[in-house]
Amino acid sequence: MKGKVLAAVSDAAPGLISGDDGRRYRFDASTVRSGPLRAGQEVDFDISGDMAVEIYALTNQYGLSPEVGRGWINFYFSSTGRVSRRQYWLYGVLVTFVVSVVLGWIPVVGQILGLAAFWSSIALSFKRCHDVGRSGWWSFLPAIPLVLTVVVSMVEAANHAAMAGTILLAIVTLGSYVWVFVAVYVRRGEPGPNRFGPDPLGLPIA
């Protein structure tokens, strides 16, 4: 049976659970199988007379599943799976930007947050690529002409040559950024599951 903890075990009295059947059941610490319980936690338990036994916590005291925290960590820092456009722009870009602005000025914390945000941006970009059916490495495609642009510009500057090669590569770089932006970050993902995972539309993050 499932229910909710009304009162935790104390030195003076046993704990109390309100079951889904409308009845209340006492319990003691020896029957809890998943660590100390707090008021407000949802639990699964068996019944022995008027006592709850074999009790397992389904949520923490805030009503959240233990999987929730793990789900958000995976969302921001795992490069596997898929994210929808809405998830990417709202929970990825916007939330990361706001947190960086609010906390980025704090010494040490700002540096750590910057590194975390950098990796998170890569992980989320990979998952956007996955959502449209492409390898995550496609997100680095514009970096190729960008590096070539820098190298060619240095060579042309050293030889006092015309900057025609640099200008051409700069145009190619800009074009590749626009193409990736539209094809990956604006385009709707593939409907239904693909080789990278299930369709993220309609699925909770955690």
Foldseek 3Di string as FASTA:
>chain_A
DKWFWQAWCDPVAFTWTQDPVRAIAGEHPVQEDDDGAHGQWMWDFDDDPRHTGNIYTQAHNVHHGPCPVVLVCCLQAPLFAADWLCCCVPVQVPVLVVCLVVPLVDPPSNVVSVVSNVNSNLSHQQRLCVQQPHGSCLVCVLVVLVVVLVVLVVVCVVVVHDSPVNVVSVVVSVVSVVCCCCSRNVDGGDAAADPRGGNCVPPDSD
